[in-house]
N, C-alpha and C. Protein backbone atom coordinates (compact mmCIF):
# COMPACT_ATOMS: atom_id res chain seq x y z
N MET A 1 110.29 17.31 106.81
CA MET A 1 110.66 18.42 107.68
C MET A 1 109.95 18.03 108.92
N ASP A 2 110.80 18.12 110.01
CA ASP A 2 110.09 17.95 111.28
C ASP A 2 109.41 19.09 112.01
N MET A 3 108.59 18.87 112.99
CA MET A 3 107.87 19.76 113.37
C MET A 3 108.36 20.95 114.16
N GLU A 4 109.58 20.51 114.83
CA GLU A 4 110.26 21.49 115.31
C GLU A 4 110.85 22.67 114.54
N ALA A 5 111.44 22.35 113.40
CA ALA A 5 111.83 23.13 112.28
C ALA A 5 110.76 23.93 111.81
N LEU A 6 109.77 23.23 111.54
CA LEU A 6 108.49 24.09 110.91
C LEU A 6 108.11 25.01 111.90
N MET A 7 107.96 24.98 113.27
CA MET A 7 107.63 25.83 114.16
C MET A 7 108.70 27.14 114.32
N ALA A 8 109.89 26.69 114.14
CA ALA A 8 110.92 27.61 114.04
C ALA A 8 110.68 28.53 112.86
N GLN A 9 110.38 27.96 111.67
CA GLN A 9 110.16 28.70 110.54
C GLN A 9 109.00 29.61 110.62
N ALA A 10 107.88 29.12 111.39
CA ALA A 10 106.78 30.06 111.55
C ALA A 10 107.00 31.04 112.43
N SER A 11 107.72 30.78 113.52
CA SER A 11 108.13 31.88 114.28
C SER A 11 108.84 32.99 113.68
N GLU A 12 109.97 32.62 112.98
CA GLU A 12 110.75 33.49 112.04
C GLU A 12 109.94 34.28 111.12
N LEU A 13 109.01 33.65 110.36
CA LEU A 13 107.97 34.45 109.62
C LEU A 13 107.17 35.40 110.44
N GLN A 14 106.65 35.14 111.47
CA GLN A 14 105.82 36.00 112.30
C GLN A 14 106.74 37.08 112.68
N ASP A 15 107.82 36.80 113.04
CA ASP A 15 108.78 38.09 113.44
C ASP A 15 109.00 39.05 112.27
N LYS A 16 109.30 38.56 111.14
CA LYS A 16 109.57 39.30 110.04
C LYS A 16 108.37 40.01 109.47
N VAL A 17 107.31 39.50 109.68
CA VAL A 17 105.96 40.13 109.00
C VAL A 17 105.61 41.28 110.27
N THR A 18 105.82 41.02 111.48
CA THR A 18 105.45 41.99 112.55
C THR A 18 106.61 43.33 112.18
N ALA A 19 107.75 42.94 111.92
CA ALA A 19 108.75 43.98 111.77
C ALA A 19 108.32 44.75 110.49
N ALA A 20 107.99 43.90 109.48
CA ALA A 20 107.55 44.77 108.19
C ALA A 20 106.34 45.61 108.41
N GLN A 21 105.39 45.28 109.22
CA GLN A 21 104.23 45.96 109.54
C GLN A 21 104.51 47.28 110.31
N GLU A 22 105.54 47.16 111.28
CA GLU A 22 106.14 48.37 111.93
C GLU A 22 106.70 49.27 111.06
N LYS A 23 107.48 48.70 110.10
CA LYS A 23 108.09 49.55 109.06
C LYS A 23 107.01 50.35 108.36
N LEU A 24 105.96 49.52 107.84
CA LEU A 24 104.91 50.18 106.96
C LEU A 24 104.46 51.39 107.41
N SER A 25 104.24 51.13 109.09
CA SER A 25 103.41 52.16 109.68
C SER A 25 104.12 53.46 109.76
N LEU A 26 105.60 53.49 109.42
CA LEU A 26 106.47 54.69 109.31
C LEU A 26 106.75 55.06 107.96
N MET A 27 106.30 54.39 106.94
CA MET A 27 106.44 54.81 105.59
C MET A 27 105.31 55.56 105.09
N HIS A 28 105.33 56.61 104.35
CA HIS A 28 104.12 57.31 103.69
C HIS A 28 104.22 57.45 102.17
N VAL A 29 103.10 57.43 101.63
CA VAL A 29 102.91 57.75 100.24
C VAL A 29 102.01 59.01 100.14
N LYS A 30 102.09 59.62 98.95
CA LYS A 30 101.10 60.74 98.75
C LYS A 30 100.28 60.44 97.61
N GLY A 31 99.05 60.62 97.74
CA GLY A 31 98.17 60.52 96.66
C GLY A 31 97.63 61.88 96.34
N ILE A 32 97.73 62.20 94.89
CA ILE A 32 97.55 63.44 94.49
C ILE A 32 96.57 63.46 93.32
N SER A 33 95.61 64.59 93.36
CA SER A 33 94.64 64.65 92.32
C SER A 33 94.45 66.18 91.84
N GLY A 34 93.79 66.37 90.76
CA GLY A 34 93.75 67.82 90.19
C GLY A 34 94.92 68.85 90.37
N ASN A 35 96.04 68.03 89.86
CA ASN A 35 97.32 68.74 89.72
C ASN A 35 97.80 69.26 90.94
N GLY A 36 97.69 68.61 92.08
CA GLY A 36 97.98 69.18 93.28
C GLY A 36 96.86 69.53 94.08
N SER A 37 95.75 69.74 93.53
CA SER A 37 94.71 70.55 94.29
C SER A 37 94.24 69.73 95.62
N VAL A 38 94.42 68.27 95.56
CA VAL A 38 94.28 67.53 96.70
C VAL A 38 95.44 66.69 96.92
N ILE A 39 95.94 66.66 98.04
CA ILE A 39 97.10 65.62 98.52
C ILE A 39 96.79 64.96 99.72
N ILE A 40 96.77 63.62 99.55
CA ILE A 40 96.54 62.84 100.90
C ILE A 40 97.81 62.14 101.11
N ASP A 41 98.21 62.27 102.28
CA ASP A 41 99.39 61.58 102.99
C ASP A 41 98.80 60.50 103.76
N MET A 42 99.31 59.18 103.24
CA MET A 42 98.88 58.01 103.77
C MET A 42 100.13 57.06 104.19
N ASN A 43 99.99 56.42 105.33
CA ASN A 43 101.09 55.38 105.68
C ASN A 43 100.87 54.13 105.05
N GLY A 44 101.87 53.17 105.32
CA GLY A 44 101.76 51.85 104.63
C GLY A 44 100.65 50.71 105.31
N LYS A 45 99.87 51.46 106.20
CA LYS A 45 98.82 50.71 106.94
C LYS A 45 97.66 51.37 106.64
N TYR A 46 97.58 52.31 105.64
CA TYR A 46 96.29 52.95 105.10
C TYR A 46 95.87 53.86 106.24
N ASP A 47 96.52 54.48 106.85
CA ASP A 47 96.11 55.51 107.89
C ASP A 47 96.52 56.79 107.17
N ILE A 48 95.35 57.60 107.26
CA ILE A 48 95.72 58.85 106.50
C ILE A 48 96.31 59.85 107.56
N ALA A 49 97.44 60.64 107.40
CA ALA A 49 98.08 61.34 108.17
C ALA A 49 97.71 62.84 107.79
N ASN A 50 97.32 63.06 106.68
CA ASN A 50 97.04 64.46 106.34
C ASN A 50 96.31 64.49 105.00
N ILE A 51 95.26 65.69 104.83
CA ILE A 51 94.74 65.83 103.73
C ILE A 51 94.86 67.24 103.37
N THR A 52 95.37 67.72 102.28
CA THR A 52 95.54 69.06 101.86
C THR A 52 94.64 69.46 100.64
N ILE A 53 93.79 70.48 100.74
CA ILE A 53 92.84 70.78 99.88
C ILE A 53 93.09 72.29 99.37
N SER A 54 93.37 72.55 98.19
CA SER A 54 93.69 73.86 97.73
C SER A 54 92.51 74.88 97.95
N ASP A 55 92.79 76.18 98.20
CA ASP A 55 91.70 77.00 98.34
C ASP A 55 90.73 77.17 97.20
N ASP A 56 91.50 77.19 95.93
CA ASP A 56 90.82 77.14 94.69
C ASP A 56 89.81 76.03 94.51
N LEU A 57 90.24 74.84 94.91
CA LEU A 57 89.19 73.72 94.81
C LEU A 57 88.04 73.89 95.67
N ALA A 58 88.37 74.42 97.07
CA ALA A 58 87.39 74.45 98.04
C ALA A 58 86.16 75.59 97.57
N LEU A 59 86.75 76.54 96.76
CA LEU A 59 85.62 77.44 96.19
C LEU A 59 84.78 76.96 95.20
N LYS A 60 85.22 75.76 94.61
CA LYS A 60 84.42 75.01 93.49
C LYS A 60 83.19 74.31 94.16
N GLY A 61 83.30 74.09 95.42
CA GLY A 61 82.03 73.41 96.13
C GLY A 61 82.32 72.13 96.51
N GLY A 62 81.44 71.45 97.37
CA GLY A 62 81.51 70.15 97.92
C GLY A 62 81.69 69.01 96.98
N LYS A 63 80.85 69.06 95.87
CA LYS A 63 80.84 67.92 94.92
C LYS A 63 82.37 67.81 94.23
N ALA A 64 82.87 68.97 93.69
CA ALA A 64 84.14 68.84 93.33
C ALA A 64 85.15 68.46 94.38
N VAL A 65 85.11 68.98 95.42
CA VAL A 65 86.04 68.56 96.42
C VAL A 65 85.98 67.05 96.70
N ALA A 66 84.83 66.58 96.88
CA ALA A 66 84.62 65.00 97.09
C ALA A 66 85.14 64.20 95.98
N GLU A 67 85.01 64.68 94.54
CA GLU A 67 85.56 64.08 93.53
C GLU A 67 87.07 63.94 93.56
N MET A 68 87.67 65.06 93.88
CA MET A 68 89.14 65.07 93.81
C MET A 68 89.78 64.42 95.10
N VAL A 69 88.93 64.32 96.24
CA VAL A 69 89.41 63.72 97.39
C VAL A 69 89.35 62.07 97.14
N ALA A 70 88.28 61.74 96.54
CA ALA A 70 88.21 60.34 96.23
C ALA A 70 89.38 59.99 95.18
N LEU A 71 89.59 60.73 93.96
CA LEU A 71 90.82 60.37 93.17
C LEU A 71 92.08 60.31 93.90
N ALA A 72 92.35 61.35 94.92
CA ALA A 72 93.52 61.39 95.53
C ALA A 72 93.62 60.11 96.57
N TYR A 73 92.72 59.85 97.14
CA TYR A 73 92.67 58.68 98.04
C TYR A 73 92.98 57.36 97.17
N ASN A 74 92.47 57.25 96.01
CA ASN A 74 92.50 56.11 95.15
C ASN A 74 94.16 56.00 94.71
N ASP A 75 94.54 57.11 94.41
CA ASP A 75 95.90 57.25 93.89
C ASP A 75 96.92 56.83 95.25
N ALA A 76 96.60 57.40 96.49
CA ALA A 76 97.58 56.96 97.68
C ALA A 76 97.35 55.53 97.85
N LYS A 77 96.12 54.97 97.92
CA LYS A 77 95.87 53.53 98.19
C LYS A 77 96.48 52.67 97.09
N ALA A 78 96.79 52.97 95.91
CA ALA A 78 97.33 52.33 95.15
C ALA A 78 98.91 52.14 95.28
N LYS A 79 99.41 53.38 95.56
CA LYS A 79 100.85 53.57 95.97
C LYS A 79 101.04 52.75 97.24
N ALA A 80 100.07 52.76 98.32
CA ALA A 80 100.42 51.94 99.52
C ALA A 80 100.48 50.54 99.22
N ASP A 81 99.38 50.06 98.33
CA ASP A 81 99.41 48.63 97.96
C ASP A 81 100.78 48.21 97.45
N GLU A 82 101.33 48.99 96.45
CA GLU A 82 102.54 48.69 96.04
C GLU A 82 103.64 48.58 96.97
N LEU A 83 103.67 49.63 97.81
CA LEU A 83 104.72 49.67 98.92
C LEU A 83 104.51 48.49 99.85
N ILE A 84 103.22 48.07 100.17
CA ILE A 84 103.04 46.94 101.10
C ILE A 84 103.60 45.59 100.28
N ASP A 85 103.32 45.52 99.00
CA ASP A 85 103.66 44.32 98.29
C ASP A 85 105.21 44.16 98.38
N ASN A 86 105.84 45.18 98.14
CA ASN A 86 107.35 45.40 98.27
C ASN A 86 108.12 45.03 99.66
N VAL A 87 107.57 45.68 100.60
CA VAL A 87 107.94 45.53 101.98
C VAL A 87 107.72 44.17 102.50
N MET A 88 106.40 43.64 102.34
CA MET A 88 106.11 42.21 102.66
C MET A 88 106.76 41.20 101.95
N GLY A 89 107.02 41.42 100.57
CA GLY A 89 107.75 40.48 99.77
C GLY A 89 109.20 40.38 100.28
N GLU A 90 109.76 41.37 100.78
CA GLU A 90 111.30 41.32 101.28
C GLU A 90 111.27 40.55 102.33
N ALA A 91 110.18 40.86 103.31
CA ALA A 91 110.19 40.34 104.70
C ALA A 91 110.04 38.63 104.50
N THR A 92 109.30 38.22 103.43
CA THR A 92 109.02 36.78 103.42
C THR A 92 109.79 36.11 102.34
N ALA A 93 110.63 36.82 101.54
CA ALA A 93 111.33 36.08 100.46
C ALA A 93 112.34 35.10 100.90
N SER A 94 112.86 35.18 101.97
CA SER A 94 113.94 34.31 102.40
C SER A 94 113.43 33.06 103.31
N ILE A 95 112.06 33.15 103.48
CA ILE A 95 111.32 32.03 104.23
C ILE A 95 110.83 30.94 103.26
N PRO A 96 111.53 29.76 103.27
CA PRO A 96 111.12 28.79 102.31
C PRO A 96 109.61 28.35 102.73
N MET A 97 108.79 28.17 101.88
CA MET A 97 107.47 27.62 102.15
C MET A 97 107.27 26.25 101.87
N PRO A 98 106.58 25.53 103.09
CA PRO A 98 106.28 24.03 103.01
C PRO A 98 105.61 23.71 101.64
N GLU A 99 106.07 22.59 101.14
CA GLU A 99 105.19 21.99 99.93
C GLU A 99 104.16 21.11 100.30
């Protein structure tokens, strides 16, 4: 493979990854814990858009809230990880990798 073709592939890959990252910033997942007592809305770049905490949970105190927020965050992050894998996989699937 000549250097010009390799550079063209690298440029194409960079363009596709940039487009995928922009797409991920617009896609959202929801992490949920405590049967919906905490819901975290996160985009595909791990930015948290919103956190909802039920009044019932808030009355249980800070420790209970912290535990449920951590569980909801972990759920959202796992879903975002899967989303990222899928979107980036689609973006790079058609690009042959040099051997």
